[in-house]
C-alpha atoms as a PDB file:
ATOM      1  CA  MET A   1     130.722 257.068 -52.052  1.00  0.00           C
ATOM      2  CA  VAL A   2     128.064 255.125 -52.937  1.00  0.00           C
ATOM      3  CA  TYR A   3     126.612 252.052 -50.971  1.00  0.00           C
ATOM      4  CA  LEU A   4     125.319 249.592 -53.186  1.00  0.00           C
ATOM      5  CA  SER A   5     123.236 247.256 -50.824  1.00  0.00           C
ATOM      6  CA  GLY A   6     122.939 243.072 -51.972  1.00  0.00           C
ATOM      7  CA  GLN A   7     121.230 243.709 -55.192  1.00  0.00           C
ATOM      8  CA  LEU A   8     119.159 240.407 -55.739  1.00  0.00           C
ATOM      9  CA  PRO A   9     118.033 238.507 -59.406  1.00  0.00           C
ATOM     10  CA  VAL A  10     114.851 240.406 -59.119  1.00  0.00           C
ATOM     11  CA  THR A  11     113.442 242.280 -62.084  1.00  0.00           C
ATOM     12  CA  ALA A  12     112.360 245.752 -62.168  1.00  0.00           C
ATOM     13  CA  GLN A  13     108.777 244.643 -62.093  1.00  0.00           C
ATOM     14  CA  GLY A  14     109.906 242.651 -59.264  1.00  0.00           C
ATOM     15  CA  GLU A  15     110.145 239.034 -60.123  1.00  0.00           C
ATOM     16  CA  ALA A  16     112.365 236.816 -58.398  1.00  0.00           C
ATOM     17  CA  LEU A  17     114.395 234.395 -61.117  1.00  0.00           C
ATOM     18  CA  ALA A  18     115.167 231.484 -58.988  1.00  0.00           C
ATOM     19  CA  ASN A  19     113.890 229.251 -61.477  1.00  0.00           C
ATOM     20  CA  GLN A  20     116.334 230.828 -64.033  1.00  0.00           C
ATOM     21  CA  PRO A  21     119.558 229.323 -65.108  1.00  0.00           C
ATOM     22  CA  PHE A  22     122.290 231.261 -63.098  1.00  0.00           C
ATOM     23  CA  ALA A  23     123.665 232.811 -66.111  1.00  0.00           C
ATOM     24  CA  ILE A  24     120.113 234.933 -66.502  1.00  0.00           C
ATOM     25  CA  GLN A  25     120.215 235.647 -62.795  1.00  0.00           C
ATOM     26  CA  ALA A  26     123.427 237.050 -62.986  1.00  0.00           C
ATOM     27  CA  ARG A  27     123.022 239.548 -65.703  1.00  0.00           C
ATOM     28  CA  GLN A  28     120.207 240.360 -64.034  1.00  0.00           C
ATOM     29  CA  VAL A  29     122.359 241.920 -60.753  1.00  0.00           C
ATOM     30  CA  PHE A  30     124.586 243.492 -62.994  1.00  0.00           C
ATOM     31  CA  THR A  31     121.113 245.600 -64.635  1.00  0.00           C
ATOM     32  CA  ASN A  32     120.016 246.260 -61.179  1.00  0.00           C
ATOM     33  CA  ILE A  33     123.275 247.216 -60.643  1.00  0.00           C
ATOM     34  CA  GLU A  34     123.886 249.662 -63.387  1.00  0.00           C
ATOM     35  CA  ARG A  35     120.523 250.872 -62.640  1.00  0.00           C
ATOM     36  CA  VAL A  36     121.141 252.063 -59.550  1.00  0.00           C
ATOM     37  CA  LEU A  37     124.704 253.621 -60.324  1.00  0.00           C
ATOM     38  CA  ALA A  38     123.082 255.506 -62.906  1.00  0.00           C
ATOM     39  CA  ASP A  39     120.737 257.139 -61.083  1.00  0.00           C
ATOM     40  CA  CYS A  40     123.644 258.502 -58.826  1.00  0.00           C
ATOM     41  CA  GLY A  41     125.614 259.631 -61.762  1.00  0.00           C
ATOM     42  CA  CYS A  42     127.807 256.596 -61.648  1.00  0.00           C
ATOM     43  CA  ASN A  43     128.550 253.648 -64.045  1.00  0.00           C
ATOM     44  CA  LYS A  44     130.377 250.391 -63.676  1.00  0.00           C
ATOM     45  CA  THR A  45     133.608 251.730 -63.978  1.00  0.00           C
ATOM     46  CA  SER A  46     132.976 253.720 -60.390  1.00  0.00           C
ATOM     47  CA  LEU A  47     132.890 250.228 -58.782  1.00  0.00           C
ATOM     48  CA  VAL A  48     136.086 250.392 -56.274  1.00  0.00           C
ATOM     49  CA  GLN A  49     134.738 247.168 -54.003  1.00  0.00           C
ATOM     50  CA  VAL A  50     132.103 244.189 -54.505  1.00  0.00           C
ATOM     51  CA  ARG A  51     131.678 241.561 -52.558  1.00  0.00           C
ATOM     52  CA  VAL A  52     129.558 238.437 -54.056  1.00  0.00           C
ATOM     53  CA  TYR A  53     127.474 236.062 -52.596  1.00  0.00           C
ATOM     54  CA  LEU A  54     126.956 232.635 -54.026  1.00  0.00           C
ATOM     55  CA  CYS A  55     124.626 229.870 -53.074  1.00  0.00           C
ATOM     56  CA  ASP A  56     126.581 227.491 -53.841  1.00  0.00           C
ATOM     57  CA  VAL A  57     130.636 227.814 -54.284  1.00  0.00           C
ATOM     58  CA  ALA A  58     130.681 225.843 -57.576  1.00  0.00           C
ATOM     59  CA  LEU A  59     129.059 228.508 -59.530  1.00  0.00           C
ATOM     60  CA  TRP A  60     132.445 230.580 -58.962  1.00  0.00           C
ATOM     61  CA  PRO A  61     134.080 229.572 -62.553  1.00  0.00           C
ATOM     62  CA  ASP A  62     130.785 230.848 -64.229  1.00  0.00           C
ATOM     63  CA  PHE A  63     130.422 233.612 -62.224  1.00  0.00           C
ATOM     64  CA  ASN A  64     134.201 234.595 -62.819  1.00  0.00           C
ATOM     65  CA  THR A  65     133.433 234.422 -66.992  1.00  0.00           C
ATOM     66  CA  LEU A  66     129.941 236.750 -66.383  1.00  0.00           C
ATOM     67  CA  TYR A  67     131.864 239.008 -64.125  1.00  0.00           C
ATOM     68  CA  ALA A  68     134.745 239.083 -66.328  1.00  0.00           C
ATOM     69  CA  ASP A  69     132.445 239.665 -69.569  1.00  0.00           C
ATOM     70  CA  TRP A  70     130.409 242.853 -67.780  1.00  0.00           C
ATOM     71  CA  LEU A  71     133.133 244.803 -66.305  1.00  0.00           C
ATOM     72  CA  GLY A  72     135.835 244.272 -69.252  1.00  0.00           C
ATOM     73  CA  PRO A  73     139.038 246.093 -67.916  1.00  0.00           C
ATOM     74  CA  HIS A  74     137.462 247.499 -65.001  1.00  0.00           C
ATOM     75  CA  GLN A  75     138.538 245.192 -61.638  1.00  0.00           C
ATOM     76  CA  PRO A  76     137.934 246.553 -58.464  1.00  0.00           C
ATOM     77  CA  ALA A  77     138.413 245.324 -55.505  1.00  0.00           C
ATOM     78  CA  ARG A  78     136.462 241.837 -55.107  1.00  0.00           C
ATOM     79  CA  CYS A  79     135.303 239.858 -52.366  1.00  0.00           C
ATOM     80  CA  VAL A  80     133.345 236.160 -53.313  1.00  0.00           C
ATOM     81  CA  VAL A  81     131.557 234.634 -50.515  1.00  0.00           C
ATOM     82  CA  PRO A  82     129.851 231.253 -50.546  1.00  0.00           C
ATOM     83  CA  VAL A  83     126.640 230.995 -48.441  1.00  0.00           C
ATOM     84  CA  PRO A  84     124.223 227.910 -47.528  1.00  0.00           C
ATOM     85  CA  ALA A  85     121.296 230.215 -48.772  1.00  0.00           C
ATOM     86  CA  LEU A  86     120.013 233.233 -50.218  1.00  0.00           C
ATOM     87  CA  HIS A  87     116.288 234.785 -50.196  1.00  0.00           C
ATOM     88  CA  TYR A  88     113.759 233.694 -52.110  1.00  0.00           C
ATOM     89  CA  GLY A  89     115.954 230.677 -53.578  1.00  0.00           C
ATOM     90  CA  LEU A  90     118.110 232.880 -55.441  1.00  0.00           C
ATOM     91  CA  ALA A  91     122.216 231.922 -56.720  1.00  0.00           C
ATOM     92  CA  LEU A  92     123.367 235.192 -55.955  1.00  0.00           C
ATOM     93  CA  GLU A  93     123.285 238.828 -54.254  1.00  0.00           C
ATOM     94  CA  ILE A  94     126.304 241.525 -54.932  1.00  0.00           C
ATOM     95  CA  GLU A  95     126.908 244.764 -52.476  1.00  0.00           C
ATOM     96  CA  ALA A  96     129.148 247.114 -53.453  1.00  0.00           C
ATOM     97  CA  VAL A  97     130.480 250.637 -53.349  1.00  0.00           C
ATOM     98  CA  ALA A  98     131.214 253.051 -55.955  1.00  0.00           C
ATOM     99  CA  VAL A  99     133.060 256.656 -56.141  1.00  0.00           C
ATOM    100  CA  LEU A 100     131.116 259.489 -57.102  1.00  0.00           C
ATOM    101  CA  PRO A 101     132.467 261.513 -60.429  1.00  0.00           C
ATOM    102  CA  THR A 102     134.098 264.572 -59.078  1.00  0.00           C
END
């Protein structure tokens, strides 16, 4: 099993994307997740559980669209949790669990 700690919309260079539109922040988180998974010998289809923290429940429909575009037909178990605020003023954070390849 691979347990990914919360991934924020922060670039590889350490730039927090708090001033960027939600879609850019979400795509950065997806990129971060894919990089961690690749370092573990996995990919996004290895995901079995995803927990999403959104700073505004109104972002849920936009997140659903972006998430579906990112994952395609793969549908790991998912929980979406509205929260009042996230570190650095960012819009979302995602933690996940994946299965290592056999």
